[in-house]
Amino acid sequence: MPEPSLGLIMILRDEAANLERSLAPVASCFDEVVVVDTGSRDQTPSLCAQLGARVWAMPWRDDFAAARNRSIEAAQADWLLWLDGDNAITPRDVDQLRKVIPHEGPAVVWAQEQVVPVGGRLWQKRCFPRHPEVRFQGRVHEQLVHPPGWPSLVAPVTVLHWGYQDPERHAAKGRYYLGLLEQTLEENPRDFYALWQAARCHYNLRQFHQAAELLERLSQERQAREHNPQLWAAAHHLWAQALERLGRAGEAEQVLEHVLDVMPWHGHSHYQRGHLAYTLRDWAKAVRHLRLALNCGLGLPLVDIDPEKTLFLADYFMGRSLEQLGQPAEAAQALARAVQRDPASAGARSQLARLLAGMGQNQEAKEQLEQVLQLRPQDRQARSLLQAMAG
C-alpha cells in the first residue's frame, strides 16, 4: 500500500516577517502546502507562492474556524497538518509525523506545542485525515471536530509558538479574542468551551473578578463535567488561582477540594491543592497532596500545562515543605529528584546543597554548588556557602 500523502495547511495574514522561520524550512517536506490568506497587506501571498504553496484569498469574517475549514476544502493530500504563521517545526519533525500516520484507517494525531521563550507546553490535535466530517468549530480558539471513536495517536513532534513574545500585542490579541468569545456566549450562554476561553482571556488581562464569575458558571455545567472532565478540572484550577489573586484563599481551597471529591485520582488537581497549601504555609497538607500528585501522575494534559515543569515543581515544593517539617533527609531526596528533572535549575541545586551541608555531606554539597557556579558564575549564595564550608 502506498504511503499516504501529507499536506500542510495554514491561514495567514501579514506574516511575511515570520515565513523564513515558519514555512520556508519545511515547505519542501510536504506533498502540498495550502495557504489561505485573509487579507495581507504585505508580501505574504507572493512569498508563500515562491515557496511552492497554493494560495487562496478569503475575506476575514472574524471567524478562525471558517478560515481553517477553507484550507481543508482547498487541500488534496490524504493527511493534513495545520500550523500558524508564528509556528515552526523541523524537517525531522515532519519525518517523525509521517512515521506516526497510519496507512489504513482514521486517527487524530496529537503534538505538543511549546510557547517560546517562556517554555509553556500544551497538547493539541495537529494532524488528521482529510475527511468530509472533519472540520474546525468556533470563532476563536477553534477546536477540531471529528467522528467519535477515532483513535488518538501521539507524535514526537514539538510545534514552537512565538506569537506572544510582545506583551502589548499579546494583550491586544486577548482583547480581540475576548470580543469574539463574548459573541459566541451571547448566542449560546452554556457553551462551556467558550466560557473557559473567555475566562482565560479575562485572567490573562488581570481581570480576576470577571474570570472567577465565568469559571463559577462553567463549574455548574454538567455537560462540561461529563464530556470534558480534564477541561472541567482545569477550570476549577484557574478559578482557584483567580480567587487567590483576589485574596480569597479560603474559597480557593474549597474549589480545589470539590474537584478532588469528584476526581480523587486526578494528579494535576492534587498538585494545585498542594501548591496552594505550600503558599499558605500548610506544610503537612502540601506534602500530602504533592506526593499524591506524583503518585497519580499527570496523564495526558489537554490544557495549558508544562508536564515536566509541573513535576519538577511538585518535587521542589515537597522538598521545601519537608524541610519546614523538620525532615531534612526526606527533603534532600525530593530536591534531588527535582534536580534530576531539571538539571539546569540553579535554585534547586542551591537548596539541595544547603541541606546536604547541614547534614554533614560536604562533598555532595560541594559538587552541587560547583554545578550551580557553572550555570551562574556570579551566584552569591553558592559562593558564600562554598566559602563557609571551606572555613
Protein backbone atom coordinates (compact mmCIF):
# COMPACT_ATOMS: atom_id res chain seq x y z
CA MET A 1 0.00 0.00 0.00
CA PRO A 2 1.43 3.41 -0.95
CA GLU A 3 2.39 5.83 1.78
CA PRO A 4 -0.36 8.41 2.40
CA SER A 5 0.39 11.93 1.26
CA LEU A 6 0.86 14.67 3.83
CA GLY A 7 -0.14 18.29 3.33
CA LEU A 8 0.40 21.48 5.32
CA ILE A 9 -2.46 23.94 5.76
CA MET A 10 -2.04 27.48 7.09
CA ILE A 11 -4.18 30.58 7.50
CA LEU A 12 -2.08 33.73 7.28
CA ARG A 13 -2.33 37.49 7.31
CA ASP A 14 0.67 39.84 7.21
CA GLU A 15 3.12 37.11 8.20
CA ALA A 16 5.93 37.97 5.75
CA ALA A 17 8.38 38.57 8.59
CA ASN A 18 7.68 35.09 10.04
CA LEU A 19 7.78 32.96 6.89
CA GLU A 20 11.53 32.46 6.90
CA ARG A 21 11.18 30.84 10.30
CA SER A 22 7.83 29.08 9.88
CA LEU A 23 7.15 27.96 6.31
CA ALA A 24 10.49 28.17 4.49
CA PRO A 25 12.35 25.42 6.42
CA VAL A 26 9.66 22.77 5.81
CA ALA A 27 7.76 23.79 2.66
CA SER A 28 9.57 21.18 0.54
CA CYS A 29 8.97 18.45 3.15
CA PHE A 30 5.22 18.25 2.40
CA ASP A 31 3.41 16.83 -0.60
CA GLU A 32 1.42 20.06 -0.78
CA VAL A 33 1.15 23.37 1.05
CA VAL A 34 -2.14 25.25 1.12
CA VAL A 35 -2.28 28.83 2.41
CA VAL A 36 -5.49 30.75 2.98
CA ASP A 37 -4.63 34.45 3.07
CA THR A 38 -7.19 36.52 4.96
CA GLY A 39 -6.24 39.98 3.71
CA SER A 40 -2.49 40.53 3.89
CA ARG A 41 -1.14 43.98 3.17
CA ASP A 42 2.46 42.77 2.94
CA GLN A 43 4.17 40.23 0.69
CA THR A 44 2.79 37.14 2.43
CA PRO A 45 0.85 35.74 -0.60
CA SER A 46 3.72 36.14 -3.09
CA LEU A 47 6.34 34.80 -0.69
CA CYS A 48 4.20 31.73 0.02
CA ALA A 49 3.75 31.14 -3.71
CA GLN A 50 7.52 31.36 -4.21
CA LEU A 51 7.89 28.65 -1.57
CA GLY A 52 5.57 26.37 -3.55
CA ALA A 53 2.29 26.96 -1.74
CA ARG A 54 -1.10 27.19 -3.39
CA VAL A 55 -2.53 30.45 -2.08
CA TRP A 56 -6.24 31.17 -1.72
CA ALA A 57 -7.64 34.57 -0.81
CA MET A 58 -10.52 34.81 1.66
CA PRO A 59 -12.03 37.91 3.29
CA TRP A 60 -11.67 37.93 7.07
CA ARG A 61 -15.01 37.40 8.84
CA ASP A 62 -13.90 37.30 12.50
CA ASP A 63 -14.05 33.52 12.38
CA PHE A 64 -10.89 31.42 12.66
CA ALA A 65 -12.74 28.13 12.13
CA ALA A 66 -14.20 29.37 8.83
CA ALA A 67 -10.72 30.17 7.53
CA ARG A 68 -9.28 26.84 8.67
CA ASN A 69 -12.16 24.96 7.08
CA ARG A 70 -11.49 26.79 3.82
CA SER A 71 -7.91 25.48 3.94
CA ILE A 72 -9.21 21.93 4.43
CA GLU A 73 -11.56 22.31 1.47
CA ALA A 74 -8.71 23.54 -0.74
CA ALA A 75 -6.37 20.69 0.21
CA GLN A 76 -5.91 17.44 -1.70
CA ALA A 77 -3.46 15.45 0.44
CA ASP A 78 -4.59 12.38 2.39
CA TRP A 79 -3.46 13.79 5.75
CA LEU A 80 -3.22 17.42 6.86
CA LEU A 81 -1.11 19.21 9.44
CA TRP A 82 -2.10 22.73 10.49
CA LEU A 83 0.31 25.48 11.51
CA ASP A 84 0.07 29.22 12.03
CA GLY A 85 2.47 31.87 10.83
CA ASP A 86 4.10 32.08 14.25
CA ASN A 87 4.56 28.29 14.48
CA ALA A 88 7.54 26.21 13.42
CA ILE A 89 8.51 22.57 13.21
CA THR A 90 11.69 20.99 11.85
CA PRO A 91 12.13 18.76 8.79
CA ARG A 92 12.90 15.96 11.23
CA ASP A 93 9.52 16.58 12.86
CA VAL A 94 7.84 16.09 9.50
CA ASP A 95 9.67 12.79 9.04
CA GLN A 96 8.58 11.66 12.51
CA LEU A 97 5.00 12.65 11.75
CA ARG A 98 4.97 10.52 8.60
CA LYS A 99 6.04 7.53 10.70
CA VAL A 100 3.10 8.02 13.07
CA ILE A 101 0.41 8.44 10.41
CA PRO A 102 -1.36 5.09 9.83
CA HIS A 103 -1.54 3.69 6.31
CA GLU A 104 -5.08 2.49 6.92
CA GLY A 105 -7.94 3.86 8.97
CA PRO A 106 -8.57 7.27 10.50
CA ALA A 107 -6.95 8.73 13.60
CA VAL A 108 -6.20 12.07 15.21
CA VAL A 109 -2.54 12.87 15.82
CA TRP A 110 -1.61 14.99 18.82
CA ALA A 111 1.57 17.07 19.08
CA GLN A 112 2.96 19.22 21.83
CA GLU A 113 3.12 22.99 21.40
CA GLN A 114 5.88 24.86 23.21
CA VAL A 115 5.45 28.58 23.83
CA VAL A 116 8.79 30.36 23.45
CA PRO A 117 10.64 31.81 25.19
CA VAL A 118 8.68 31.05 28.40
CA GLY A 119 8.53 27.30 27.72
CA GLY A 120 4.86 26.58 28.48
CA ARG A 121 3.53 23.46 26.80
CA LEU A 122 0.15 22.09 25.80
CA TRP A 123 -1.17 19.22 23.71
CA GLN A 124 -3.16 19.88 20.55
CA LYS A 125 -4.82 17.91 17.76
CA ARG A 126 -2.47 18.88 14.95
CA CYS A 127 -2.79 16.27 12.20
CA PHE A 128 -5.80 14.45 10.76
CA PRO A 129 -7.05 12.74 7.60
CA ARG A 130 -8.84 14.82 5.02
CA HIS A 131 -12.43 13.75 5.57
CA PRO A 132 -15.84 15.39 4.99
CA GLU A 133 -16.73 15.08 8.70
CA VAL A 134 -13.53 16.71 9.97
CA ARG A 135 -13.87 20.43 10.46
CA PHE A 136 -12.91 23.19 12.90
CA GLN A 137 -15.52 24.79 15.13
CA GLY A 138 -15.50 28.12 16.97
CA ARG A 139 -14.85 31.74 16.07
CA VAL A 140 -11.64 31.75 18.12
CA HIS A 141 -9.58 29.09 19.91
CA GLU A 142 -11.21 26.82 17.38
CA GLN A 143 -11.35 23.09 18.05
CA LEU A 144 -11.05 20.18 15.65
CA VAL A 145 -14.29 18.18 15.42
CA HIS A 146 -14.23 14.66 14.02
CA PRO A 147 -16.33 11.47 14.16
CA PRO A 148 -16.40 9.97 17.66
CA GLY A 149 -14.35 6.88 18.26
CA TRP A 150 -11.36 7.85 16.17
CA PRO A 151 -8.18 6.72 17.95
CA SER A 152 -5.70 9.28 19.23
CA LEU A 153 -2.01 8.99 18.40
CA VAL A 154 0.83 10.99 19.93
CA ALA A 155 3.59 12.24 17.62
CA PRO A 156 7.11 13.00 18.90
CA VAL A 157 6.78 16.45 17.36
CA THR A 158 7.19 19.85 19.03
CA VAL A 159 5.50 22.88 17.50
CA LEU A 160 7.22 26.11 18.54
CA HIS A 161 4.88 29.07 19.06
CA TRP A 162 6.36 32.54 19.49
CA GLY A 163 3.32 34.76 18.90
CA TYR A 164 3.07 36.00 22.50
CA GLN A 165 6.57 37.43 22.90
CA ASP A 166 5.39 41.06 22.63
CA PRO A 167 3.33 41.87 25.77
CA GLU A 168 1.38 44.68 24.08
CA ARG A 169 0.50 42.51 21.10
CA HIS A 170 -0.43 39.68 23.46
CA ALA A 171 -2.81 41.95 25.37
CA ALA A 172 -4.33 43.28 22.13
CA LYS A 173 -4.92 39.72 20.93
CA GLY A 174 -6.54 38.87 24.23
CA ARG A 175 -8.98 41.77 23.98
CA TYR A 176 -9.84 40.89 20.38
CA TYR A 177 -10.34 37.20 21.20
CA LEU A 178 -12.48 38.14 24.19
CA GLY A 179 -14.80 40.11 21.93
CA LEU A 180 -15.26 37.10 19.65
CA LEU A 181 -15.90 34.82 22.62
CA GLU A 182 -18.49 37.19 24.03
CA GLN A 183 -20.34 37.00 20.71
CA THR A 184 -20.31 33.21 21.00
CA LEU A 185 -21.65 33.35 24.56
CA GLU A 186 -24.44 35.71 23.53
CA GLU A 187 -25.57 33.06 21.06
CA ASN A 188 -25.04 30.15 23.45
CA PRO A 189 -24.53 31.14 27.12
CA ARG A 190 -23.88 27.49 28.07
CA ASP A 191 -21.03 26.89 25.63
CA PHE A 192 -18.58 25.60 28.23
CA TYR A 193 -15.55 25.78 25.96
CA ALA A 194 -16.27 29.44 25.17
CA LEU A 195 -16.76 30.09 28.90
CA TRP A 196 -13.36 28.54 29.58
CA GLN A 197 -11.56 30.53 26.90
CA ALA A 198 -13.29 33.80 27.85
CA ALA A 199 -12.28 33.25 31.48
CA ARG A 200 -8.68 32.65 30.40
CA CYS A 201 -8.72 35.92 28.45
CA HIS A 202 -10.01 37.81 31.49
CA TYR A 203 -7.41 36.14 33.72
CA ASN A 204 -4.54 36.97 31.34
CA LEU A 205 -5.79 40.58 31.23
CA ARG A 206 -5.70 40.54 35.06
CA GLN A 207 -9.49 40.88 35.26
CA PHE A 208 -9.79 38.32 38.05
CA HIS A 209 -13.35 39.13 39.17
CA GLN A 210 -14.71 38.53 35.65
CA ALA A 211 -12.64 35.35 35.26
CA ALA A 212 -13.93 33.96 38.57
CA GLU A 213 -17.56 34.66 37.64
CA LEU A 214 -17.28 32.82 34.31
CA LEU A 215 -15.44 29.89 35.85
CA GLU A 216 -18.10 29.53 38.54
CA ARG A 217 -20.69 29.31 35.75
CA LEU A 218 -18.61 26.69 33.95
CA SER A 219 -18.27 24.62 37.13
CA GLN A 220 -22.05 24.19 37.18
CA GLU A 221 -22.23 22.89 33.61
CA ARG A 222 -22.92 19.17 33.85
CA GLN A 223 -22.10 18.72 30.17
CA ALA A 224 -18.56 20.01 30.74
CA ARG A 225 -18.03 17.63 33.64
CA GLU A 226 -19.38 14.65 31.69
CA HIS A 227 -17.91 15.31 28.24
CA ASN A 228 -14.60 17.01 29.06
CA PRO A 229 -13.55 16.28 32.66
CA GLN A 230 -9.99 17.46 32.01
CA LEU A 231 -11.21 20.90 30.99
CA TRP A 232 -13.73 20.93 33.86
CA ALA A 233 -10.91 20.26 36.31
CA ALA A 234 -8.67 22.87 34.67
CA ALA A 235 -11.46 25.42 35.01
CA HIS A 236 -11.52 24.79 38.76
CA HIS A 237 -7.73 25.20 38.92
CA LEU A 238 -7.94 28.58 37.19
CA TRP A 239 -10.93 29.56 39.33
CA ALA A 240 -8.91 28.82 42.46
CA GLN A 241 -6.00 30.87 41.13
CA ALA A 242 -8.32 33.81 40.38
CA LEU A 243 -9.79 33.61 43.88
CA GLU A 244 -6.31 33.51 45.40
CA ARG A 245 -5.38 36.62 43.39
CA LEU A 246 -8.46 38.29 44.85
CA GLY A 247 -7.36 37.47 48.39
CA ARG A 248 -9.96 34.73 48.84
CA ALA A 249 -7.67 31.78 49.59
CA GLY A 250 -10.26 30.01 51.74
CA GLU A 251 -12.69 29.88 48.83
CA ALA A 252 -9.87 28.70 46.56
CA GLU A 253 -9.25 25.78 48.92
CA GLN A 254 -12.94 24.83 48.78
CA VAL A 255 -12.91 24.90 44.97
CA LEU A 256 -9.95 22.52 44.76
CA GLU A 257 -11.35 20.24 47.46
CA HIS A 258 -14.55 19.93 45.41
CA VAL A 259 -12.58 18.81 42.34
CA LEU A 260 -10.80 16.18 44.40
CA ASP A 261 -14.08 14.96 45.85
CA VAL A 262 -15.23 14.30 42.27
CA MET A 263 -11.86 13.20 40.82
CA PRO A 264 -9.74 11.84 43.71
CA TRP A 265 -7.33 10.24 41.24
CA HIS A 266 -6.59 13.47 39.34
CA GLY A 267 -2.88 14.15 39.74
CA HIS A 268 -2.87 17.71 38.48
CA SER A 269 -5.64 18.67 40.89
CA HIS A 270 -3.57 17.26 43.76
CA TYR A 271 -0.66 19.36 42.51
CA GLN A 272 -2.81 22.51 42.51
CA ARG A 273 -4.06 21.73 46.04
CA GLY A 274 -0.53 21.04 47.23
CA HIS A 275 0.81 24.23 45.70
CA LEU A 276 -1.93 26.29 47.34
CA ALA A 277 -1.17 24.65 50.71
CA TYR A 278 2.51 25.49 50.19
CA THR A 279 1.73 29.17 49.58
CA LEU A 280 -0.43 29.13 52.73
CA ARG A 281 2.46 27.52 54.68
CA ASP A 282 0.39 24.44 55.49
CA TRP A 283 3.43 22.20 55.08
CA ALA A 284 1.87 18.86 56.01
CA LYS A 285 -1.04 19.29 53.62
CA ALA A 286 1.34 20.43 50.89
CA VAL A 287 3.43 17.28 51.27
CA ARG A 288 0.37 15.01 51.26
CA HIS A 289 -1.11 16.43 48.07
CA LEU A 290 2.19 16.85 46.23
CA ARG A 291 3.05 13.23 46.99
CA LEU A 292 -0.36 12.16 45.66
CA ALA A 293 0.23 14.25 42.52
CA LEU A 294 3.49 12.43 41.85
CA ASN A 295 1.93 9.03 42.58
CA CYS A 296 -1.14 9.64 40.40
CA GLY A 297 0.81 11.24 37.55
CA LEU A 298 -0.40 13.99 35.27
CA GLY A 299 -1.70 11.81 32.45
CA LEU A 300 -2.05 13.50 29.07
CA PRO A 301 -2.71 17.17 29.79
CA LEU A 302 -5.07 18.72 27.28
CA VAL A 303 -4.82 22.31 28.50
CA ASP A 304 -2.04 24.77 29.18
CA ILE A 305 0.49 22.96 31.33
CA ASP A 306 4.15 22.04 31.05
CA PRO A 307 4.18 18.47 32.45
CA GLU A 308 7.95 18.41 33.00
CA LYS A 309 7.97 21.74 34.82
CA THR A 310 4.96 20.74 36.94
CA LEU A 311 6.61 17.51 38.09
CA PHE A 312 9.78 19.46 38.87
CA LEU A 313 7.81 21.95 40.95
CA ALA A 314 5.96 19.18 42.77
CA ASP A 315 9.27 17.71 43.97
CA TYR A 316 10.73 21.15 44.69
CA PHE A 317 7.78 22.35 46.79
CA MET A 318 7.66 18.98 48.56
CA GLY A 319 11.34 19.29 49.45
CA ARG A 320 10.90 22.78 50.86
CA SER A 321 7.82 21.68 52.81
CA LEU A 322 9.57 18.61 54.26
CA GLU A 323 12.41 20.86 55.41
CA GLN A 324 9.90 23.05 57.25
CA LEU A 325 8.51 19.92 58.90
CA GLY A 326 11.99 19.06 60.24
CA GLN A 327 12.66 16.16 57.86
CA PRO A 328 15.92 17.17 56.11
CA ALA A 329 16.81 13.73 54.72
CA GLU A 330 13.43 13.33 53.03
CA ALA A 331 13.62 16.96 51.87
CA ALA A 332 17.01 16.32 50.25
CA GLN A 333 15.62 13.27 48.43
CA ALA A 334 12.76 15.36 46.99
CA LEU A 335 15.11 18.16 45.94
CA ALA A 336 17.47 15.61 44.36
CA ARG A 337 14.56 14.35 42.25
CA ALA A 338 13.78 17.94 41.29
CA VAL A 339 17.39 18.42 40.15
CA GLN A 340 17.18 15.22 38.11
CA ARG A 341 14.06 16.56 36.40
CA ASP A 342 15.65 19.94 35.66
CA PRO A 343 19.46 19.83 35.88
CA ALA A 344 19.62 23.50 34.79
CA SER A 345 17.77 24.72 37.90
CA ALA A 346 20.41 26.55 39.91
CA GLY A 347 17.87 27.36 42.61
CA ALA A 348 17.00 23.71 43.28
CA ARG A 349 20.71 22.77 43.34
CA SER A 350 21.46 25.55 45.83
CA GLN A 351 18.68 24.43 48.15
CA LEU A 352 19.84 20.82 47.89
CA ALA A 353 23.44 21.81 48.62
CA ARG A 354 22.41 23.77 51.71
CA LEU A 355 20.51 20.75 53.06
CA LEU A 356 23.39 18.37 52.31
CA ALA A 357 25.86 20.65 54.05
CA GLY A 358 23.57 20.88 57.05
CA MET A 359 23.60 17.07 57.27
CA GLY A 360 27.41 16.97 57.07
CA GLN A 361 27.53 15.69 53.48
CA ASN A 362 30.02 18.34 52.43
CA GLN A 363 31.44 16.61 49.36
CA GLU A 364 27.99 16.09 47.85
CA ALA A 365 27.07 19.69 48.70
CA LYS A 366 30.27 20.96 47.08
CA GLU A 367 29.51 19.06 43.87
CA GLN A 368 26.06 20.66 43.68
CA LEU A 369 27.47 24.15 44.30
CA GLU A 370 30.09 23.71 41.60
CA GLN A 371 27.30 22.85 39.20
CA VAL A 372 25.45 26.00 40.31
CA LEU A 373 28.51 28.13 39.53
CA GLN A 374 28.79 26.58 36.10
CA LEU A 375 25.20 27.66 35.48
CA ARG A 376 25.52 31.06 37.23
CA PRO A 377 29.19 32.02 37.78
CA GLN A 378 28.26 35.07 39.89
CA ASP A 379 25.82 33.26 42.20
CA ARG A 380 26.49 34.86 45.58
CA GLN A 381 24.63 32.24 47.63
CA ALA A 382 26.68 29.40 46.12
CA ARG A 383 29.97 31.25 46.61
CA SER A 384 29.09 32.16 50.19
CA LEU A 385 28.19 28.56 51.08
CA LEU A 386 31.38 27.23 49.49
CA GLN A 387 33.45 29.71 51.48
CA ALA A 388 31.64 28.76 54.68
CA MET A 389 32.29 25.07 54.03
CA ALA A 390 35.96 25.74 53.28
CA GLY A 391 36.31 27.77 56.51
